Amino acid sequence: MTQPPAPWNETRDRDDDTQTRDVAKNEAASVASDAKDNAQEVASTATDQAKQVAGEAKGHAKDLYAQARSEFADQASSQQGRAASGLRSLAGELDSMASHQGSGVATDLAQQAATKANQVAGWLESREPGDVIDELSSFARRRPGAFLLGAAVLGLVGGRLTRGLAAEAQDDLRAP
């Protein structure tokens, strides 16, 4: 016959179970606390890196904008110089034409056109591209009709000159 276990064994087993539960509970709490701390650290690191990347992107965008603006200004200045050079060339041709024609109304008109072309070329050469745009905008607001008429005349003359230069270039290519 077996004897029932002594009550002290049951108490001891219950104490062992309680201690095991307490240890497991403490360990679980410790693991949870560590996980929370690590998650906060990862989140903080990610936030810092995101801010750093955003700052670098902003810096690169500013650099790119400055570079594009500089290149645009260089291109505008170059085109403005080419326009002034073209006007000087046109003025020289008109002046040459006027000096070979003798006297008369056509000669006077060619001479006046040469003088105006030289003046406009000098005006273009003495200004920055932004200044030219500002002055043209101001003129267009003050005298819109004159601005539109001038733009139309300039377009016609430019088209004629371009067509003549293109035809001349084709003739040069065809001739041996």
N, C-alpha and C. Protein backbone atom coordinates (compact mmCIF):
# COMPACT_ATOMS: atom_id res chain seq x y z
N MET A 1 0.79 -1.15 0.00
CA MET A 1 0.00 0.00 0.00
C MET A 1 0.86 1.25 0.00
N THR A 2 0.40 2.15 -0.76
CA THR A 2 1.19 3.38 -0.87
C THR A 2 0.59 4.45 0.00
N GLN A 3 1.46 5.18 0.48
CA GLN A 3 1.01 6.26 1.35
C GLN A 3 0.82 7.53 0.54
N PRO A 4 -0.13 8.27 0.94
CA PRO A 4 -0.30 9.56 0.24
C PRO A 4 0.90 10.46 0.50
N PRO A 5 1.20 11.27 -0.46
CA PRO A 5 2.35 12.16 -0.28
C PRO A 5 2.14 13.09 0.89
N ALA A 6 3.22 13.43 1.43
CA ALA A 6 3.17 14.33 2.58
C ALA A 6 2.76 15.72 2.11
N PRO A 7 2.05 16.40 2.95
CA PRO A 7 1.59 17.73 2.55
C PRO A 7 2.74 18.69 2.26
N TRP A 8 3.83 18.46 2.85
CA TRP A 8 4.94 19.38 2.59
C TRP A 8 5.43 19.26 1.16
N ASN A 9 5.27 18.06 0.52
CA ASN A 9 5.67 17.90 -0.88
C ASN A 9 4.75 18.71 -1.79
N GLU A 10 3.46 18.71 -1.50
CA GLU A 10 2.53 19.49 -2.31
C GLU A 10 2.84 20.97 -2.18
N THR A 11 3.16 21.39 -1.03
CA THR A 11 3.47 22.80 -0.82
C THR A 11 4.75 23.15 -1.54
N ARG A 12 5.69 22.24 -1.44
CA ARG A 12 6.96 22.50 -2.12
C ARG A 12 6.75 22.53 -3.64
N ASP A 13 5.97 21.65 -4.19
CA ASP A 13 5.70 21.64 -5.64
C ASP A 13 4.98 22.93 -6.05
N ARG A 14 4.03 23.35 -5.18
CA ARG A 14 3.34 24.60 -5.50
C ARG A 14 4.29 25.77 -5.43
N ASP A 15 5.17 25.79 -4.50
CA ASP A 15 6.16 26.86 -4.39
C ASP A 15 7.08 26.86 -5.60
N ASP A 16 7.49 25.64 -6.04
CA ASP A 16 8.35 25.53 -7.22
C ASP A 16 7.61 26.05 -8.46
N ASP A 17 6.34 25.69 -8.59
CA ASP A 17 5.55 26.16 -9.73
C ASP A 17 5.41 27.67 -9.70
N THR A 18 5.17 28.21 -8.54
CA THR A 18 5.01 29.66 -8.39
C THR A 18 6.33 30.36 -8.72
N GLN A 19 7.42 29.83 -8.25
CA GLN A 19 8.73 30.41 -8.53
C GLN A 19 9.03 30.34 -10.03
N THR A 20 8.71 29.18 -10.63
CA THR A 20 8.95 29.04 -12.07
C THR A 20 8.11 30.05 -12.84
N ARG A 21 6.86 30.19 -12.43
CA ARG A 21 6.00 31.17 -13.09
C ARG A 21 6.55 32.58 -12.90
N ASP A 22 7.00 32.88 -11.72
CA ASP A 22 7.54 34.22 -11.45
C ASP A 22 8.79 34.47 -12.29
N VAL A 23 9.66 33.46 -12.35
CA VAL A 23 10.88 33.60 -13.15
C VAL A 23 10.50 33.78 -14.62
N ALA A 24 9.57 32.97 -15.12
CA ALA A 24 9.14 33.08 -16.53
C ALA A 24 8.51 34.43 -16.78
N LYS A 25 7.70 34.89 -15.82
CA LYS A 25 7.05 36.19 -15.96
C LYS A 25 8.10 37.31 -16.01
N ASN A 26 9.10 37.23 -15.12
CA ASN A 26 10.16 38.24 -15.09
C ASN A 26 10.98 38.21 -16.38
N GLU A 27 11.27 37.00 -16.84
CA GLU A 27 12.03 36.86 -18.09
C GLU A 27 11.24 37.42 -19.28
N ALA A 28 9.95 37.11 -19.31
CA ALA A 28 9.09 37.63 -20.39
C ALA A 28 9.04 39.16 -20.34
N ALA A 29 8.93 39.70 -19.14
CA ALA A 29 8.90 41.16 -18.98
C ALA A 29 10.23 41.76 -19.43
N SER A 30 11.33 41.07 -19.08
CA SER A 30 12.65 41.55 -19.48
C SER A 30 12.81 41.51 -20.99
N VAL A 31 12.37 40.41 -21.61
CA VAL A 31 12.45 40.29 -23.07
C VAL A 31 11.58 41.37 -23.74
N ALA A 32 10.40 41.59 -23.22
CA ALA A 32 9.50 42.61 -23.78
C ALA A 32 10.12 44.00 -23.64
N SER A 33 10.72 44.26 -22.48
CA SER A 33 11.36 45.56 -22.26
C SER A 33 12.54 45.75 -23.22
N ASP A 34 13.35 44.69 -23.37
CA ASP A 34 14.48 44.76 -24.30
C ASP A 34 14.00 44.97 -25.74
N ALA A 35 12.93 44.27 -26.11
CA ALA A 35 12.39 44.41 -27.46
C ALA A 35 11.88 45.83 -27.69
N LYS A 36 11.21 46.37 -26.67
CA LYS A 36 10.70 47.74 -26.78
C LYS A 36 11.85 48.74 -26.92
N ASP A 37 12.87 48.57 -26.08
CA ASP A 37 14.04 49.46 -26.14
C ASP A 37 14.72 49.37 -27.50
N ASN A 38 14.89 48.13 -27.99
CA ASN A 38 15.52 47.94 -29.30
C ASN A 38 14.68 48.53 -30.43
N ALA A 39 13.36 48.38 -30.34
CA ALA A 39 12.48 48.93 -31.35
C ALA A 39 12.56 50.46 -31.36
N GLN A 40 12.62 51.05 -30.17
CA GLN A 40 12.76 52.51 -30.09
C GLN A 40 14.09 52.97 -30.66
N GLU A 41 15.14 52.21 -30.40
CA GLU A 41 16.47 52.55 -30.93
C GLU A 41 16.49 52.44 -32.46
N VAL A 42 15.87 51.38 -32.99
CA VAL A 42 15.79 51.22 -34.45
C VAL A 42 14.99 52.36 -35.06
N ALA A 43 13.88 52.71 -34.43
CA ALA A 43 13.04 53.80 -34.93
C ALA A 43 13.81 55.12 -34.89
N SER A 44 14.54 55.35 -33.82
CA SER A 44 15.33 56.58 -33.71
C SER A 44 16.42 56.63 -34.78
N THR A 45 17.09 55.51 -35.00
CA THR A 45 18.13 55.44 -36.03
C THR A 45 17.53 55.67 -37.41
N ALA A 46 16.39 55.04 -37.68
CA ALA A 46 15.73 55.21 -38.97
C ALA A 46 15.32 56.66 -39.19
N THR A 47 14.81 57.30 -38.15
CA THR A 47 14.41 58.71 -38.24
C THR A 47 15.62 59.59 -38.53
N ASP A 48 16.71 59.34 -37.82
CA ASP A 48 17.93 60.13 -38.04
C ASP A 48 18.44 59.95 -39.46
N GLN A 49 18.45 58.72 -39.94
CA GLN A 49 18.94 58.46 -41.30
C GLN A 49 18.01 59.07 -42.33
N ALA A 50 16.71 59.03 -42.09
CA ALA A 50 15.76 59.64 -43.03
C ALA A 50 15.98 61.15 -43.10
N LYS A 51 16.23 61.76 -41.94
CA LYS A 51 16.51 63.20 -41.92
C LYS A 51 17.80 63.50 -42.68
N GLN A 52 18.81 62.66 -42.50
CA GLN A 52 20.08 62.86 -43.18
C GLN A 52 19.90 62.72 -44.70
N VAL A 53 19.16 61.71 -45.12
CA VAL A 53 18.92 61.51 -46.56
C VAL A 53 18.14 62.70 -47.12
N ALA A 54 17.14 63.16 -46.38
CA ALA A 54 16.35 64.31 -46.84
C ALA A 54 17.24 65.55 -46.96
N GLY A 55 18.12 65.75 -46.00
CA GLY A 55 19.04 66.89 -46.07
C GLY A 55 19.98 66.80 -47.26
N GLU A 56 20.49 65.60 -47.51
CA GLU A 56 21.37 65.41 -48.67
C GLU A 56 20.61 65.64 -49.97
N ALA A 57 19.38 65.14 -50.03
CA ALA A 57 18.56 65.33 -51.24
C ALA A 57 18.29 66.81 -51.46
N LYS A 58 18.02 67.52 -50.40
CA LYS A 58 17.77 68.97 -50.50
C LYS A 58 19.03 69.69 -51.00
N GLY A 59 20.17 69.30 -50.47
CA GLY A 59 21.43 69.89 -50.91
C GLY A 59 21.71 69.60 -52.38
N HIS A 60 21.46 68.36 -52.80
CA HIS A 60 21.66 68.01 -54.21
C HIS A 60 20.70 68.77 -55.10
N ALA A 61 19.46 68.94 -54.65
CA ALA A 61 18.48 69.69 -55.44
C ALA A 61 18.92 71.14 -55.59
N LYS A 62 19.42 71.73 -54.52
CA LYS A 62 19.90 73.12 -54.60
C LYS A 62 21.09 73.23 -55.56
N ASP A 63 22.00 72.26 -55.48
CA ASP A 63 23.15 72.27 -56.39
C ASP A 63 22.71 72.12 -57.83
N LEU A 64 21.77 71.23 -58.08
CA LEU A 64 21.26 71.01 -59.43
C LEU A 64 20.56 72.26 -59.95
N TYR A 65 19.78 72.91 -59.10
CA TYR A 65 19.11 74.15 -59.49
C TYR A 65 20.13 75.23 -59.84
N ALA A 66 21.15 75.37 -59.00
CA ALA A 66 22.18 76.38 -59.26
C ALA A 66 22.92 76.08 -60.56
N GLN A 67 23.21 74.81 -60.80
CA GLN A 67 23.90 74.43 -62.03
C GLN A 67 23.02 74.71 -63.25
N ALA A 68 21.74 74.35 -63.17
CA ALA A 68 20.82 74.58 -64.29
C ALA A 68 20.67 76.08 -64.54
N ARG A 69 20.58 76.84 -63.48
CA ARG A 69 20.43 78.29 -63.63
C ARG A 69 21.69 78.89 -64.27
N SER A 70 22.85 78.41 -63.85
CA SER A 70 24.11 78.89 -64.41
C SER A 70 24.21 78.53 -65.90
N GLU A 71 23.85 77.30 -66.23
CA GLU A 71 23.91 76.89 -67.63
C GLU A 71 22.91 77.67 -68.47
N PHE A 72 21.73 77.92 -67.92
CA PHE A 72 20.73 78.72 -68.64
C PHE A 72 21.26 80.13 -68.87
N ALA A 73 21.85 80.72 -67.85
CA ALA A 73 22.40 82.07 -67.99
C ALA A 73 23.51 82.10 -69.04
N ASP A 74 24.36 81.07 -69.03
CA ASP A 74 25.43 81.00 -70.04
C ASP A 74 24.86 80.88 -71.44
N GLN A 75 23.85 80.03 -71.60
CA GLN A 75 23.22 79.85 -72.91
C GLN A 75 22.55 81.14 -73.37
N ALA A 76 21.82 81.79 -72.46
CA ALA A 76 21.14 83.03 -72.80
C ALA A 76 22.15 84.11 -73.19
N SER A 77 23.24 84.19 -72.45
CA SER A 77 24.27 85.17 -72.75
C SER A 77 24.92 84.88 -74.11
N SER A 78 25.16 83.61 -74.37
CA SER A 78 25.74 83.22 -75.66
C SER A 78 24.80 83.57 -76.81
N GLN A 79 23.53 83.27 -76.66
CA GLN A 79 22.55 83.58 -77.71
C GLN A 79 22.41 85.08 -77.89
N GLN A 80 22.45 85.80 -76.80
CA GLN A 80 22.37 87.26 -76.89
C GLN A 80 23.58 87.81 -77.64
N GLY A 81 24.75 87.26 -77.36
CA GLY A 81 25.96 87.67 -78.08
C GLY A 81 25.87 87.35 -79.56
N ARG A 82 25.31 86.18 -79.88
CA ARG A 82 25.14 85.82 -81.29
C ARG A 82 24.16 86.77 -81.98
N ALA A 83 23.09 87.16 -81.27
CA ALA A 83 22.12 88.09 -81.85
C ALA A 83 22.77 89.45 -82.10
N ALA A 84 23.57 89.90 -81.15
CA ALA A 84 24.26 91.19 -81.32
C ALA A 84 25.24 91.11 -82.48
N SER A 85 25.95 90.00 -82.58
CA SER A 85 26.89 89.81 -83.69
C SER A 85 26.15 89.79 -85.03
N GLY A 86 25.02 89.11 -85.07
CA GLY A 86 24.21 89.08 -86.29
C GLY A 86 23.72 90.47 -86.68
N LEU A 87 23.33 91.24 -85.68
CA LEU A 87 22.89 92.62 -85.96
C LEU A 87 24.04 93.47 -86.47
N ARG A 88 25.22 93.29 -85.89
CA ARG A 88 26.39 94.04 -86.38
C ARG A 88 26.70 93.66 -87.82
N SER A 89 26.60 92.38 -88.12
CA SER A 89 26.84 91.91 -89.48
C SER A 89 25.81 92.51 -90.45
N LEU A 90 24.55 92.49 -90.04
CA LEU A 90 23.49 93.09 -90.87
C LEU A 90 23.73 94.58 -91.06
N ALA A 91 24.14 95.25 -89.99
CA ALA A 91 24.43 96.69 -90.08
C ALA A 91 25.57 96.94 -91.06
N GLY A 92 26.59 96.10 -91.01
CA GLY A 92 27.71 96.25 -91.95
C GLY A 92 27.29 96.06 -93.38
N GLU A 93 26.44 95.06 -93.62
CA GLU A 93 25.95 94.82 -94.98
C GLU A 93 25.08 95.97 -95.46
N LEU A 94 24.20 96.48 -94.58
CA LEU A 94 23.36 97.62 -94.96
C LEU A 94 24.21 98.85 -95.23
N ASP A 95 25.21 99.06 -94.40
CA ASP A 95 26.11 100.21 -94.59
C ASP A 95 26.87 100.09 -95.90
N SER A 96 27.35 98.88 -96.19
CA SER A 96 28.06 98.64 -97.45
C SER A 96 27.13 98.85 -98.64
N MET A 97 25.90 98.38 -98.50
CA MET A 97 24.93 98.55 -99.58
C MET A 97 24.63 100.03 -99.79
N ALA A 98 24.50 100.77 -98.70
CA ALA A 98 24.21 102.20 -98.80
C ALA A 98 25.37 102.96 -99.42
N SER A 99 26.59 102.58 -99.11
CA SER A 99 27.75 103.31 -99.65
C SER A 99 27.95 103.04 -101.13
N HIS A 100 27.48 101.90 -101.63
CA HIS A 100 27.63 101.56 -103.05
C HIS A 100 26.48 102.08 -103.90
N GLN A 101 25.39 102.48 -103.29
CA GLN A 101 24.21 102.91 -104.04
C GLN A 101 24.27 104.37 -104.44
N GLY A 102 25.05 105.16 -103.80
CA GLY A 102 25.07 106.58 -104.12
C GLY A 102 24.16 107.32 -103.17
N SER A 103 23.22 108.11 -103.74
CA SER A 103 22.30 108.85 -102.88
C SER A 103 20.88 108.56 -103.30
N GLY A 104 19.97 108.82 -102.40
CA GLY A 104 18.56 108.57 -102.66
C GLY A 104 17.86 108.09 -101.41
N VAL A 105 16.56 107.85 -101.58
CA VAL A 105 15.74 107.44 -100.45
C VAL A 105 16.16 106.06 -99.95
N ALA A 106 16.39 105.10 -100.85
CA ALA A 106 16.78 103.75 -100.45
C ALA A 106 18.11 103.78 -99.72
N THR A 107 19.03 104.61 -100.19
CA THR A 107 20.34 104.72 -99.55
C THR A 107 20.19 105.28 -98.14
N ASP A 108 19.36 106.32 -98.00
CA ASP A 108 19.13 106.91 -96.67
C ASP A 108 18.48 105.90 -95.72
N LEU A 109 17.49 105.15 -96.24
CA LEU A 109 16.84 104.14 -95.40
C LEU A 109 17.82 103.05 -94.99
N ALA A 110 18.66 102.61 -95.91
CA ALA A 110 19.65 101.57 -95.60
C ALA A 110 20.64 102.09 -94.55
N GLN A 111 21.04 103.36 -94.68
CA GLN A 111 21.97 103.95 -93.72
C GLN A 111 21.33 104.07 -92.35
N GLN A 112 20.06 104.50 -92.31
CA GLN A 112 19.35 104.60 -91.03
C GLN A 112 19.18 103.22 -90.39
N ALA A 113 18.84 102.23 -91.23
CA ALA A 113 18.68 100.86 -90.71
C ALA A 113 20.01 100.34 -90.17
N ALA A 114 21.11 100.65 -90.85
CA ALA A 114 22.43 100.22 -90.38
C ALA A 114 22.75 100.87 -89.04
N THR A 115 22.45 102.15 -88.91
CA THR A 115 22.69 102.86 -87.66
C THR A 115 21.86 102.27 -86.53
N LYS A 116 20.57 102.02 -86.79
CA LYS A 116 19.70 101.44 -85.76
C LYS A 116 20.17 100.03 -85.38
N ALA A 117 20.57 99.24 -86.36
CA ALA A 117 21.05 97.88 -86.08
C ALA A 117 22.29 97.92 -85.19
N ASN A 118 23.19 98.86 -85.47
CA ASN A 118 24.39 99.02 -84.63
C ASN A 118 24.01 99.45 -83.21
N GLN A 119 23.02 100.35 -83.10
CA GLN A 119 22.58 100.80 -81.79
C GLN A 119 21.97 99.64 -80.99
N VAL A 120 21.12 98.86 -81.65
CA VAL A 120 20.49 97.73 -80.97
C VAL A 120 21.54 96.69 -80.57
N ALA A 121 22.52 96.45 -81.44
CA ALA A 121 23.59 95.50 -81.12
C ALA A 121 24.38 95.99 -79.90
N GLY A 122 24.69 97.27 -79.86
CA GLY A 122 25.38 97.84 -78.70
C GLY A 122 24.55 97.73 -77.44
N TRP A 123 23.24 97.97 -77.57
CA TRP A 123 22.33 97.86 -76.43
C TRP A 123 22.32 96.43 -75.91
N LEU A 124 22.25 95.46 -76.82
CA LEU A 124 22.25 94.05 -76.42
C LEU A 124 23.57 93.67 -75.74
N GLU A 125 24.67 94.13 -76.29
CA GLU A 125 25.98 93.78 -75.74
C GLU A 125 26.21 94.37 -74.35
N SER A 126 25.57 95.50 -74.06
CA SER A 126 25.82 96.17 -72.79
C SER A 126 24.90 95.70 -71.66
N ARG A 127 24.02 94.73 -71.94
CA ARG A 127 23.08 94.26 -70.93
C ARG A 127 23.18 92.76 -70.71
N GLU A 128 22.75 92.37 -69.52
CA GLU A 128 22.63 90.96 -69.19
C GLU A 128 21.31 90.44 -69.75
N PRO A 129 21.21 89.13 -70.00
CA PRO A 129 19.96 88.59 -70.54
C PRO A 129 18.72 88.92 -69.68
N GLY A 130 18.86 88.87 -68.37
CA GLY A 130 17.73 89.19 -67.50
C GLY A 130 17.28 90.64 -67.65
N ASP A 131 18.24 91.54 -67.84
CA ASP A 131 17.92 92.95 -68.04
C ASP A 131 17.16 93.16 -69.35
N VAL A 132 17.57 92.43 -70.38
CA VAL A 132 16.90 92.53 -71.68
C VAL A 132 15.45 92.08 -71.55
N ILE A 133 15.23 90.97 -70.85
CA ILE A 133 13.87 90.46 -70.67
C ILE A 133 13.04 91.45 -69.87
N ASP A 134 13.62 92.02 -68.82
CA ASP A 134 12.89 93.01 -68.01
C ASP A 134 12.50 94.22 -68.84
N GLU A 135 13.43 94.72 -69.65
CA GLU A 135 13.15 95.90 -70.47
C GLU A 135 12.10 95.60 -71.53
N LEU A 136 12.19 94.41 -72.15
CA LEU A 136 11.19 94.05 -73.16
C LEU A 136 9.81 93.88 -72.52
N SER A 137 9.76 93.29 -71.35
CA SER A 137 8.48 93.13 -70.64
C SER A 137 7.88 94.49 -70.29
N SER A 138 8.72 95.38 -69.82
CA SER A 138 8.27 96.72 -69.48
C SER A 138 7.74 97.45 -70.72
N PHE A 139 8.46 97.34 -71.83
CA PHE A 139 8.02 97.97 -73.08
C PHE A 139 6.71 97.37 -73.55
N ALA A 140 6.58 96.05 -73.46
CA ALA A 140 5.34 95.38 -73.89
C ALA A 140 4.15 95.83 -73.04
N ARG A 141 4.36 96.09 -71.76
CA ARG A 141 3.26 96.58 -70.91
C ARG A 141 2.90 98.02 -71.24
N ARG A 142 3.91 98.84 -71.52
CA ARG A 142 3.66 100.25 -71.81
C ARG A 142 3.03 100.43 -73.18
N ARG A 143 3.54 99.69 -74.17
CA ARG A 143 3.09 99.88 -75.56
C ARG A 143 2.88 98.52 -76.22
N PRO A 144 1.78 97.85 -75.89
CA PRO A 144 1.57 96.50 -76.42
C PRO A 144 1.44 96.45 -77.94
N GLY A 145 0.80 97.45 -78.53
CA GLY A 145 0.65 97.47 -79.99
C GLY A 145 2.00 97.58 -80.68
N ALA A 146 2.84 98.48 -80.21
CA ALA A 146 4.16 98.65 -80.81
C ALA A 146 5.01 97.39 -80.61
N PHE A 147 4.86 96.78 -79.44
CA PHE A 147 5.62 95.55 -79.17
C PHE A 147 5.21 94.45 -80.14
N LEU A 148 3.89 94.25 -80.32
CA LEU A 148 3.41 93.21 -81.23
C LEU A 148 3.82 93.50 -82.67
N LEU A 149 3.72 94.76 -83.08
CA LEU A 149 4.14 95.13 -84.43
C LEU A 149 5.64 94.88 -84.62
N GLY A 150 6.43 95.26 -83.64
CA GLY A 150 7.87 95.01 -83.71
C GLY A 150 8.20 93.53 -83.75
N ALA A 151 7.48 92.74 -82.95
CA ALA A 151 7.70 91.30 -82.94
C ALA A 151 7.34 90.70 -84.29
N ALA A 152 6.24 91.19 -84.90
CA ALA A 152 5.84 90.68 -86.22
C ALA A 152 6.88 91.04 -87.28
N VAL A 153 7.34 92.28 -87.27
CA VAL A 153 8.36 92.70 -88.24
C VAL A 153 9.64 91.91 -88.03
N LEU A 154 10.05 91.76 -86.78
CA LEU A 154 11.26 91.01 -86.48
C LEU A 154 11.11 89.56 -86.93
N GLY A 155 9.93 88.99 -86.73
CA GLY A 155 9.68 87.63 -87.19
C GLY A 155 9.77 87.50 -88.69
N LEU A 156 9.19 88.46 -89.40
CA LEU A 156 9.27 88.44 -90.87
C LEU A 156 10.70 88.60 -91.36
N VAL A 157 11.39 89.56 -90.80
CA VAL A 157 12.79 89.80 -91.22
C VAL A 157 13.64 88.59 -90.86
N GLY A 158 13.46 88.06 -89.67
CA GLY A 158 14.22 86.88 -89.25
C GLY A 158 13.93 85.69 -90.15
N GLY A 159 12.67 85.50 -90.50
CA GLY A 159 12.30 84.41 -91.40
C GLY A 159 12.93 84.56 -92.77
N ARG A 160 12.88 85.77 -93.28
CA ARG A 160 13.49 86.04 -94.59
C ARG A 160 14.99 85.82 -94.57
N LEU A 161 15.62 86.33 -93.53
CA LEU A 161 17.08 86.15 -93.42
C LEU A 161 17.44 84.68 -93.28
N THR A 162 16.68 83.96 -92.48
CA THR A 162 16.94 82.53 -92.29
C THR A 162 16.75 81.77 -93.59
N ARG A 163 15.67 82.08 -94.29
CA ARG A 163 15.41 81.42 -95.57
C ARG A 163 16.52 81.73 -96.58
N GLY A 164 16.94 83.00 -96.61
CA GLY A 164 18.03 83.38 -97.52
C GLY A 164 19.34 82.70 -97.16
N LEU A 165 19.65 82.64 -95.88
CA LEU A 165 20.89 81.98 -95.46
C LEU A 165 20.85 80.48 -95.74
N ALA A 166 19.68 79.86 -95.55
CA ALA A 166 19.55 78.43 -95.82
C ALA A 166 19.70 78.16 -97.31
N ALA A 167 19.10 79.00 -98.14
CA ALA A 167 19.22 78.82 -99.59
C ALA A 167 20.66 79.03 -100.04
N GLU A 168 21.32 80.00 -99.44
CA GLU A 168 22.73 80.27 -99.78
C GLU A 168 23.61 79.09 -99.37
N ALA A 169 23.34 78.51 -98.22
CA ALA A 169 24.11 77.36 -97.75
C ALA A 169 23.90 76.17 -98.66
N GLN A 170 22.68 75.97 -99.14
CA GLN A 170 22.41 74.85 -100.06
C GLN A 170 23.11 75.07 -101.39
N ASP A 171 23.12 76.32 -101.85
CA ASP A 171 23.83 76.63 -103.10
C ASP A 171 25.32 76.36 -102.96
N ASP A 172 25.88 76.68 -101.79
CA ASP A 172 27.30 76.45 -101.56
C ASP A 172 27.60 74.95 -101.53
N LEU A 173 26.68 74.17 -100.99
CA LEU A 173 26.88 72.72 -100.92
C LEU A 173 26.80 72.09 -102.31
N ARG A 174 25.95 72.61 -103.15
CA ARG A 174 25.78 72.06 -104.50
C ARG A 174 26.92 72.42 -105.43
N ALA A 175 27.48 73.58 -105.24
CA ALA A 175 28.57 74.02 -106.12
C ALA A 175 29.85 73.28 -105.75
N PRO A 176 30.58 72.75 -106.77
CA PRO A 176 31.82 72.02 -106.47
C PRO A 176 32.95 72.91 -106.08
